[in-house]
Amino acid sequence: MKRLAPRRVAAAALAATLAVGTLAACGSGDDSAGPIKLKFLSLAWQEESVAANKKIVEAWNAAHSDVQIEYIQGSWDSAHDQLLTSFEGEDAPDIIHYEAALAGQFAQQGYLADVKDLIPADLKGDIGDNVWQTVTSGDGKVYGVPFLLESQAVIANKKLLDEAGIPVPTADKPWTWDEFQAAAKTLTKGETFGTAWPVKQPVNRVLNLSLNFDGKYFQKNGDKNQVVFGAAEQEVPKRIHDMVYTDKSAAPDALTMGGTDPLPGFFGGKYAMLPGSIYLRQQMKEQAPAGFEWVTLPPLKGLSQNQAANPQTLSVATQSEHKEEAMKFIAEFLNPANMAELAKGDWLVPTGKKAGEELLKSTGGKDGWDVAVASAGSLVLAPFQTVTQFPEWKSKIATPAFQEYFANKISLDELGKRLVEGGKDILK
């Protein structure tokens, strides 16, 4: 089986390099001499998604002779540096495809416009407040329109579930973590482990899933953030650790793997269940051996099914001379039918309720689309997403500490001590 690279690494190979020269000039051209011309930077990279993007742009241009969109193909791997250069050089694209957390950094620097009063009411109302929070700054400004989400679910070998007499949980009746762990123990038999936890890069996954138990990891202490590691924060790492070393229902070899690395073992029956991103369904559809029956299980539930939301977004550059026209294009680009196609092309979760309904209608909920669509309501802004120093804490402190804990080299108490003390140094 051909092993897929991580999505953003693959993006570099599949998308054209974003050249600075192609980003020139917001709303360029003499409006009196012809139509308004807006530049749209897209970071779509999968073939189906790129095709959907271009189709929408072509349809817009055919119907709007007065406002023409120039499609610019970008790359996730180079977009940040290239955008920064274009912002500083005052030649940024008018409409920018990015993700909420990184777009927020540009918004803080004043590069992205506040579009709160430009967003049409029907578009605003179709996306949940839980998602709008991810693109809203502390002073209430909205710096983008969120349209695609990524949730964490579980892919399972249906044959092994059936043989063990384990019913498949549904979106309206998901498994609790306890039920998932019990199922994993039941499924562990012979050469088969109940599950695999690929936590080579553990921080985002652990902090994300810890929201299931209201684990925050960061809290305000006056006007500063501090790292916390109480009972709520301990739940997820302890459960993963216990499944490997106590129950022995999770494969120890998977701990050093990336998200898609366990797929050969999963297809070969070594792992019965595989927690991971909702987009793993694409690999199931495209790479599973003939006759292999798989099923998507809903996100696990602790106190809730909450997970961190970091949606893909469309923003308008502050430099753009045609913000209203840019938002009209965004609203058309993200109408329910279009948003459904964009989500389908990336195997991700649409933010819009009507787009979700379109997807369920067109797919019949098959291939896990019922689970994907239902997961949108549990995706929320997580505390770590608002911490400016999070990337530094993640790379210098949390990643090595979690890796040692999952390798059984340090205790849970030592893990907590490292996270908290390391946070004190970084969050000064």
Protein backbone atom coordinates (compact mmCIF):
# COMPACT_ATOMS: atom_id res chain seq x y z
CA MET A 1 0.00 0.00 0.00
CA LYS A 2 1.25 3.46 -0.86
CA ARG A 3 1.61 5.38 2.38
CA LEU A 4 0.14 8.84 2.24
CA ALA A 5 2.17 11.79 3.42
CA PRO A 6 0.62 14.15 6.01
CA ARG A 7 -1.93 16.40 4.32
CA ARG A 8 0.15 19.55 4.41
CA VAL A 9 3.27 17.83 3.17
CA ALA A 10 1.26 16.34 0.35
CA ALA A 11 -0.10 19.76 -0.40
CA ALA A 12 3.39 20.95 -1.31
CA ALA A 13 3.70 18.20 -3.89
CA LEU A 14 0.21 18.51 -5.32
CA ALA A 15 -0.26 22.28 -5.34
CA ALA A 16 1.73 24.79 -7.30
CA THR A 17 4.21 26.93 -5.42
CA LEU A 18 2.74 30.23 -4.33
CA ALA A 19 4.88 32.81 -6.05
CA VAL A 20 5.01 36.29 -4.58
CA GLY A 21 4.52 37.83 -7.98
CA THR A 22 1.15 36.12 -8.44
CA LEU A 23 -0.26 37.82 -5.36
CA ALA A 24 -0.03 41.30 -6.74
CA ALA A 25 -2.40 43.88 -6.08
CA CYS A 26 -5.69 43.82 -4.25
CA GLY A 27 -8.51 44.92 -6.52
CA SER A 28 -5.96 45.70 -9.21
CA GLY A 29 -6.83 47.54 -12.37
CA ASP A 30 -8.70 50.70 -13.32
CA ASP A 31 -12.33 50.03 -12.35
CA SER A 32 -13.58 52.60 -14.87
CA ALA A 33 -11.90 50.70 -17.68
CA GLY A 34 -13.49 47.35 -17.01
CA PRO A 35 -14.73 44.91 -14.37
CA ILE A 36 -13.50 44.80 -10.81
CA LYS A 37 -10.80 42.15 -10.58
CA LEU A 38 -10.31 40.27 -7.33
CA LYS A 39 -7.54 37.80 -6.60
CA PHE A 40 -8.50 34.62 -4.73
CA LEU A 41 -5.77 32.56 -3.10
CA SER A 42 -6.90 28.96 -2.68
CA LEU A 43 -4.98 26.33 -0.70
CA ALA A 44 -7.09 23.44 -1.95
CA TRP A 45 -4.75 20.63 -2.95
CA GLN A 46 -6.68 17.40 -3.49
CA GLU A 47 -7.73 16.87 -7.09
CA GLU A 48 -11.45 16.79 -6.36
CA SER A 49 -11.24 19.83 -4.10
CA VAL A 50 -9.21 21.88 -6.61
CA ALA A 51 -11.75 21.00 -9.30
CA ALA A 52 -14.61 22.13 -7.07
CA ASN A 53 -12.84 25.43 -6.32
CA LYS A 54 -12.21 26.17 -9.98
CA LYS A 55 -15.73 25.19 -11.00
CA ILE A 56 -17.23 27.65 -8.50
CA VAL A 57 -14.93 30.45 -9.68
CA GLU A 58 -15.78 29.76 -13.33
CA ALA A 59 -19.51 29.81 -12.57
CA TRP A 60 -19.15 33.11 -10.72
CA ASN A 61 -17.19 34.73 -13.54
CA ALA A 62 -19.76 33.59 -16.10
CA ALA A 63 -22.58 35.14 -14.07
CA HIS A 64 -20.85 38.36 -12.91
CA SER A 65 -19.28 40.33 -15.73
CA ASP A 66 -18.78 43.28 -13.37
CA VAL A 67 -16.69 41.38 -10.78
CA GLN A 68 -14.16 38.85 -12.03
CA ILE A 69 -12.22 36.45 -9.81
CA GLU A 70 -8.65 35.40 -10.58
CA TYR A 71 -7.95 31.98 -9.09
CA ILE A 72 -4.45 31.59 -7.60
CA GLN A 73 -3.32 28.09 -6.59
CA GLY A 74 -1.33 28.16 -3.38
CA SER A 75 0.39 25.64 -1.13
CA TRP A 76 -0.13 25.11 2.59
CA ASP A 77 3.60 24.66 3.10
CA SER A 78 4.60 28.02 1.66
CA ALA A 79 1.46 30.10 2.24
CA HIS A 80 2.39 31.68 5.59
CA ASP A 81 5.73 33.13 4.51
CA GLN A 82 4.43 34.17 1.12
CA LEU A 83 1.39 35.87 2.63
CA LEU A 84 3.52 37.71 5.17
CA THR A 85 5.71 38.99 2.36
CA SER A 86 2.69 40.07 0.32
CA PHE A 87 1.08 41.82 3.30
CA GLU A 88 4.24 43.73 4.09
CA GLY A 89 4.66 44.59 0.41
CA GLU A 90 1.01 45.70 0.21
CA ASP A 91 0.22 43.37 -2.67
CA ALA A 92 -1.83 40.67 -0.91
CA PRO A 93 -4.68 38.77 -2.61
CA ASP A 94 -8.16 40.13 -1.90
CA ILE A 95 -9.63 36.81 -0.76
CA ILE A 96 -7.51 34.43 1.30
CA HIS A 97 -8.05 30.75 2.09
CA TYR A 98 -6.32 29.76 5.33
CA GLU A 99 -7.11 28.28 8.76
CA ALA A 100 -8.54 30.04 11.79
CA ALA A 101 -5.56 29.79 14.18
CA LEU A 102 -3.00 31.06 11.66
CA ALA A 103 -5.34 33.63 10.14
CA GLY A 104 -5.84 34.97 13.66
CA GLN A 105 -2.15 35.87 13.81
CA PHE A 106 -2.49 37.96 10.66
CA ALA A 107 -5.68 39.53 12.02
CA GLN A 108 -3.82 40.63 15.16
CA GLN A 109 -1.29 42.37 12.92
CA GLY A 110 -4.07 44.21 11.11
CA TYR A 111 -3.71 42.41 7.79
CA LEU A 112 -7.22 40.91 7.67
CA ALA A 113 -10.40 42.99 7.55
CA ASP A 114 -13.21 42.83 10.08
CA VAL A 115 -16.03 41.35 7.99
CA LYS A 116 -18.61 41.09 10.78
CA ASP A 117 -20.97 43.63 9.19
CA LEU A 118 -20.47 42.29 5.66
CA ILE A 119 -21.48 38.66 6.24
CA PRO A 120 -25.01 37.95 4.90
CA ALA A 121 -27.51 36.99 7.60
CA ASP A 122 -28.32 33.61 6.05
CA LEU A 123 -24.64 32.61 5.96
CA LYS A 124 -24.08 33.90 9.47
CA GLY A 125 -27.09 32.01 10.84
CA ASP A 126 -26.26 28.74 9.10
CA ILE A 127 -22.96 28.34 10.97
CA GLY A 128 -23.02 27.63 14.71
CA ASP A 129 -21.83 30.17 17.27
CA ASN A 130 -19.35 27.56 18.52
CA VAL A 131 -17.54 27.82 15.18
CA TRP A 132 -17.82 31.60 14.78
CA GLN A 133 -15.91 31.95 18.05
CA THR A 134 -12.82 30.52 16.34
CA VAL A 135 -12.65 33.50 13.95
CA THR A 136 -13.66 36.19 16.41
CA SER A 137 -10.98 38.27 18.13
CA GLY A 138 -11.10 39.44 21.71
CA ASP A 139 -12.58 42.80 20.70
CA GLY A 140 -15.39 41.16 18.73
CA LYS A 141 -13.98 41.54 15.22
CA VAL A 142 -14.58 38.69 12.77
CA TYR A 143 -11.60 38.04 10.53
CA GLY A 144 -12.87 35.20 8.36
CA VAL A 145 -15.71 32.89 7.39
CA PRO A 146 -15.17 29.30 8.61
CA PHE A 147 -16.22 26.60 6.17
CA LEU A 148 -14.42 23.25 6.72
CA LEU A 149 -13.74 21.46 10.00
CA GLU A 150 -11.71 18.45 11.07
CA SER A 151 -12.99 16.18 13.84
CA GLN A 152 -11.54 13.09 15.51
CA ALA A 153 -13.49 9.84 15.16
CA VAL A 154 -12.71 6.11 15.17
CA ILE A 155 -12.46 3.83 12.13
CA ALA A 156 -13.23 0.18 12.88
CA ASN A 157 -12.94 -3.19 11.18
CA LYS A 158 -16.63 -4.12 10.83
CA LYS A 159 -15.95 -7.85 10.49
CA LEU A 160 -14.06 -7.96 13.79
CA LEU A 161 -16.81 -6.00 15.55
CA ASP A 162 -19.44 -8.41 14.24
CA GLU A 163 -17.43 -11.49 15.22
CA ALA A 164 -17.08 -10.12 18.74
CA GLY A 165 -20.80 -9.32 18.92
CA ILE A 166 -20.12 -5.61 19.41
CA PRO A 167 -22.87 -3.33 18.01
CA VAL A 168 -21.75 -0.26 16.07
CA PRO A 169 -22.46 2.96 17.99
CA THR A 170 -24.43 5.64 16.18
CA ALA A 171 -24.09 9.41 15.94
CA ASP A 172 -27.01 9.90 18.32
CA LYS A 173 -25.74 7.24 20.73
CA PRO A 174 -21.91 7.38 20.73
CA TRP A 175 -19.61 5.28 22.86
CA THR A 176 -18.25 6.69 26.05
CA TRP A 177 -14.53 6.35 26.61
CA ASP A 178 -15.27 3.51 29.03
CA GLU A 179 -17.27 1.67 26.37
CA PHE A 180 -14.53 2.21 23.80
CA GLN A 181 -11.91 0.82 26.18
CA ALA A 182 -14.11 -2.18 27.01
CA ALA A 183 -14.62 -2.88 23.30
CA ALA A 184 -10.87 -2.62 22.67
CA LYS A 185 -10.22 -5.16 25.41
CA THR A 186 -12.81 -7.54 23.95
CA LEU A 187 -11.32 -7.19 20.47
CA THR A 188 -7.78 -7.92 21.66
CA LYS A 189 -7.23 -11.54 20.72
CA GLY A 190 -4.29 -13.49 19.34
CA GLU A 191 -2.29 -11.25 17.01
CA THR A 192 -4.95 -8.53 17.02
CA PHE A 193 -4.93 -5.49 19.29
CA GLY A 194 -8.20 -3.74 20.01
CA THR A 195 -6.85 -0.39 18.91
CA ALA A 196 -3.78 1.63 17.96
CA TRP A 197 -2.94 5.14 19.15
CA PRO A 198 -0.56 6.84 16.69
CA VAL A 199 0.83 9.59 18.92
CA LYS A 200 4.21 10.37 17.40
CA GLN A 201 3.07 14.00 17.54
CA PRO A 202 0.85 13.74 20.61
CA VAL A 203 0.12 17.28 21.79
CA ASN A 204 -2.70 18.47 19.56
CA ARG A 205 -4.49 15.14 19.73
CA VAL A 206 -4.28 14.88 23.52
CA LEU A 207 -5.28 18.48 24.17
CA ASN A 208 -8.03 18.20 21.58
CA LEU A 209 -9.56 15.04 23.05
CA SER A 210 -9.09 16.28 26.61
CA LEU A 211 -11.97 18.67 26.00
CA ASN A 212 -14.13 15.52 26.31
CA PHE A 213 -13.45 15.77 30.05
CA ASP A 214 -13.28 19.57 30.20
CA GLY A 215 -9.49 19.39 30.27
CA LYS A 216 -8.23 22.86 29.49
CA TYR A 217 -4.43 22.69 29.99
CA PHE A 218 -4.33 26.51 29.99
CA GLN A 219 -6.12 28.98 32.22
CA LYS A 220 -5.88 32.67 32.92
CA ASN A 221 -4.00 33.89 35.99
CA GLY A 222 -4.69 37.60 35.95
CA ASP A 223 -3.72 38.81 32.50
CA LYS A 224 -1.37 35.87 31.88
CA ASN A 225 -1.88 32.24 30.91
CA GLN A 226 -0.63 29.33 32.99
CA VAL A 227 -0.48 25.59 32.35
CA VAL A 228 -2.68 23.37 34.52
CA PHE A 229 -2.64 19.59 34.87
CA GLY A 230 -5.45 18.54 37.16
CA ALA A 231 -7.76 15.52 37.10
CA ALA A 232 -9.54 16.69 33.94
CA GLU A 233 -6.30 17.15 32.02
CA GLN A 234 -5.00 13.75 33.16
CA GLU A 235 -7.94 11.73 31.85
CA VAL A 236 -6.98 11.25 28.19
CA PRO A 237 -3.22 10.67 28.52
CA LYS A 238 -3.83 8.25 31.41
CA ARG A 239 -6.44 6.32 29.46
CA ILE A 240 -4.20 5.96 26.42
CA HIS A 241 -1.29 4.89 28.65
CA ASP A 242 -3.43 2.38 30.53
CA MET A 243 -4.73 0.83 27.32
CA VAL A 244 -1.14 0.13 26.24
CA TYR A 245 0.51 -0.91 29.51
CA THR A 246 -2.31 -2.11 31.80
CA ASP A 247 -5.12 -3.49 29.63
CA LYS A 248 -2.69 -4.24 26.80
CA SER A 249 -5.56 -3.59 24.41
CA ALA A 250 -3.65 -0.91 22.45
CA ALA A 251 -0.61 -1.75 20.34
CA PRO A 252 2.64 -0.40 21.81
CA ASP A 253 4.30 -0.18 18.38
CA ALA A 254 1.74 2.41 17.23
CA LEU A 255 2.81 4.96 19.84
CA THR A 256 5.67 6.16 17.64
CA MET A 257 3.58 6.28 14.47
CA GLY A 258 2.02 9.21 12.63
CA GLY A 259 -1.69 9.39 11.82
CA THR A 260 -1.74 7.22 8.70
CA ASP A 261 1.20 4.92 9.57
CA PRO A 262 -1.00 2.20 11.19
CA LEU A 263 -3.09 1.73 8.04
CA PRO A 264 -1.19 -1.33 6.74
CA GLY A 265 -1.62 -2.99 10.13
CA PHE A 266 -5.26 -1.98 10.26
CA PHE A 267 -5.96 -3.42 6.83
CA GLY A 268 -4.03 -6.55 7.82
CA GLY A 269 -6.10 -7.15 10.96
CA LYS A 270 -3.39 -6.21 13.46
CA TYR A 271 -5.53 -3.38 14.88
CA ALA A 272 -9.32 -3.64 15.13
CA MET A 273 -9.98 0.07 15.64
CA LEU A 274 -8.07 3.18 14.68
CA PRO A 275 -8.77 6.58 16.29
CA GLY A 276 -7.91 9.42 13.94
CA SER A 277 -9.04 12.32 11.85
CA ILE A 278 -12.35 12.17 10.05
CA TYR A 279 -10.47 12.45 6.74
CA LEU A 280 -9.05 8.92 7.26
CA ARG A 281 -12.28 7.79 5.60
CA GLN A 282 -10.74 8.81 2.30
CA GLN A 283 -7.87 6.36 2.77
CA MET A 284 -10.42 3.68 3.68
CA LYS A 285 -12.37 4.32 0.51
CA GLU A 286 -9.36 4.53 -1.78
CA GLN A 287 -6.90 2.07 -0.25
CA ALA A 288 -8.76 -0.62 1.67
CA PRO A 289 -8.27 -4.10 0.16
CA ALA A 290 -11.14 -5.62 -1.80
CA GLY A 291 -13.74 -7.02 0.57
CA PHE A 292 -12.45 -5.09 3.59
CA GLU A 293 -15.48 -3.74 5.46
CA TRP A 294 -14.92 -0.65 7.58
CA VAL A 295 -17.19 1.62 9.57
CA THR A 296 -16.86 5.09 11.07
CA LEU A 297 -17.61 5.33 14.79
CA PRO A 298 -18.69 8.68 16.27
CA PRO A 299 -16.33 10.83 18.36
CA LEU A 300 -15.92 9.38 21.85
CA LYS A 301 -17.79 10.91 24.77
CA GLY A 302 -16.48 11.81 28.21
CA LEU A 303 -18.48 14.53 29.91
CA SER A 304 -19.12 15.68 26.33
CA GLN A 305 -17.91 15.02 22.78
CA ASN A 306 -16.26 18.44 22.58
CA GLN A 307 -13.13 18.77 20.48
CA ALA A 308 -11.04 21.71 19.34
CA ALA A 309 -12.22 23.48 16.19
CA ASN A 310 -9.66 24.99 13.84
CA PRO A 311 -11.66 25.51 10.65
CA GLN A 312 -10.42 26.42 7.23
CA THR A 313 -11.45 30.00 6.52
CA LEU A 314 -11.95 32.60 3.82
CA SER A 315 -10.79 36.09 4.79
CA VAL A 316 -10.64 39.48 3.10
CA ALA A 317 -7.38 41.42 3.11
CA THR A 318 -7.49 44.80 4.84
CA GLN A 319 -5.69 46.17 1.79
CA SER A 320 -8.50 45.12 -0.57
CA GLU A 321 -10.31 48.07 -2.16
CA HIS A 322 -13.41 45.96 -2.79
CA LYS A 323 -14.35 44.27 0.47
CA GLU A 324 -18.09 44.16 -0.20
CA GLU A 325 -17.60 42.49 -3.57
CA ALA A 326 -15.14 40.05 -2.00
CA MET A 327 -17.70 39.06 0.62
CA LYS A 328 -20.40 38.61 -2.03
CA PHE A 329 -18.10 36.12 -3.75
CA ILE A 330 -17.35 34.35 -0.46
CA ALA A 331 -21.08 34.05 0.26
CA GLU A 332 -21.65 32.48 -3.16
CA PHE A 333 -18.57 30.29 -2.84
CA LEU A 334 -19.96 28.97 0.44
CA ASN A 335 -23.61 28.51 -0.43
CA PRO A 336 -24.94 25.15 0.84
CA ALA A 337 -24.44 23.23 -2.41
CA ASN A 338 -20.92 24.57 -2.93
CA MET A 339 -19.86 24.06 0.68
CA ALA A 340 -21.09 20.48 0.52
CA GLU A 341 -18.96 19.85 -2.59
CA LEU A 342 -15.91 21.44 -0.96
CA ALA A 343 -16.34 19.27 2.15
CA LYS A 344 -16.81 16.17 0.04
CA GLY A 345 -13.65 16.93 -1.94
CA ASP A 346 -11.56 17.12 1.25
CA TRP A 347 -13.47 14.50 3.27
CA LEU A 348 -13.95 17.11 6.00
CA VAL A 349 -16.90 18.52 7.94
CA PRO A 350 -18.89 21.47 6.56
CA THR A 351 -19.60 24.24 9.05
CA GLY A 352 -23.00 25.06 7.54
CA LYS A 353 -26.07 23.16 8.68
CA LYS A 354 -27.65 23.27 5.21
CA ALA A 355 -24.42 22.03 3.61
CA GLY A 356 -24.49 19.11 6.03
CA GLU A 357 -28.03 18.33 4.95
CA GLU A 358 -26.93 18.47 1.30
CA LEU A 359 -24.12 16.02 2.02
CA LEU A 360 -26.42 13.59 3.80
CA LYS A 361 -28.84 13.78 0.89
CA SER A 362 -26.19 13.23 -1.78
CA THR A 363 -24.27 10.48 0.05
CA GLY A 364 -27.08 8.84 1.99
CA GLY A 365 -24.82 9.14 5.03
CA LYS A 366 -22.58 6.37 3.68
CA ASP A 367 -18.81 6.26 4.12
CA GLY A 368 -19.16 7.91 7.53
CA TRP A 369 -20.76 11.12 6.29
CA ASP A 370 -23.52 10.76 8.88
CA VAL A 371 -20.88 10.76 11.64
CA ALA A 372 -18.88 13.57 10.03
CA VAL A 373 -21.85 15.91 9.68
CA ALA A 374 -23.08 15.22 13.22
CA SER A 375 -19.66 16.01 14.69
CA ALA A 376 -19.81 19.71 13.71
CA GLY A 377 -21.87 20.64 16.78
CA SER A 378 -19.18 19.45 19.20
CA LEU A 379 -16.28 21.42 17.74
CA VAL A 380 -15.44 24.42 19.90
CA LEU A 381 -12.71 26.96 20.55
CA ALA A 382 -10.14 25.37 22.89
CA PRO A 383 -8.11 27.35 25.47
CA PHE A 384 -4.77 26.41 23.89
CA GLN A 385 -5.88 28.01 20.61
CA THR A 386 -5.83 31.46 22.20
CA VAL A 387 -2.34 31.16 23.73
CA THR A 388 0.26 33.00 21.66
CA GLN A 389 3.16 30.98 23.09
CA PHE A 390 1.44 27.63 22.55
CA PRO A 391 3.63 26.59 19.57
CA GLU A 392 6.81 27.16 21.60
CA TRP A 393 5.44 25.30 24.64
CA LYS A 394 4.27 22.50 22.37
CA SER A 395 7.62 21.98 20.65
CA LYS A 396 10.00 22.58 23.55
CA ILE A 397 8.07 21.17 26.51
CA ALA A 398 4.91 19.22 25.75
CA THR A 399 5.96 17.07 22.79
CA PRO A 400 9.03 15.48 24.44
CA ALA A 401 7.22 15.14 27.77
CA PHE A 402 4.21 13.33 26.29
CA GLN A 403 6.46 11.14 24.16
CA GLU A 404 8.39 10.02 27.24
CA TYR A 405 5.18 9.39 29.15
CA PHE A 406 3.71 7.27 26.37
CA ALA A 407 7.03 5.40 26.13
CA ASN A 408 6.54 4.61 29.84
CA LYS A 409 9.77 6.43 30.77
CA ILE A 410 8.17 8.93 33.17
CA SER A 411 5.16 8.86 35.47
CA LEU A 412 1.92 10.80 35.11
CA ASP A 413 3.05 13.05 37.97
CA GLU A 414 6.36 13.75 36.26
CA LEU A 415 4.52 14.51 33.03
CA GLY A 416 2.38 17.06 34.81
CA LYS A 417 5.39 18.61 36.53
CA ARG A 418 7.22 19.08 33.23
CA LEU A 419 4.20 20.59 31.49
CA VAL A 420 3.47 23.04 34.29
CA GLU A 421 7.06 24.05 35.10
CA GLY A 422 7.92 24.35 31.42
CA GLY A 423 4.91 26.56 31.00
CA LYS A 424 6.16 28.92 33.68
CA ASP A 425 9.36 29.48 31.73
CA ILE A 426 7.63 30.12 28.43
CA LEU A 427 4.48 31.96 29.53
CA LYS A 428 6.32 34.68 31.40
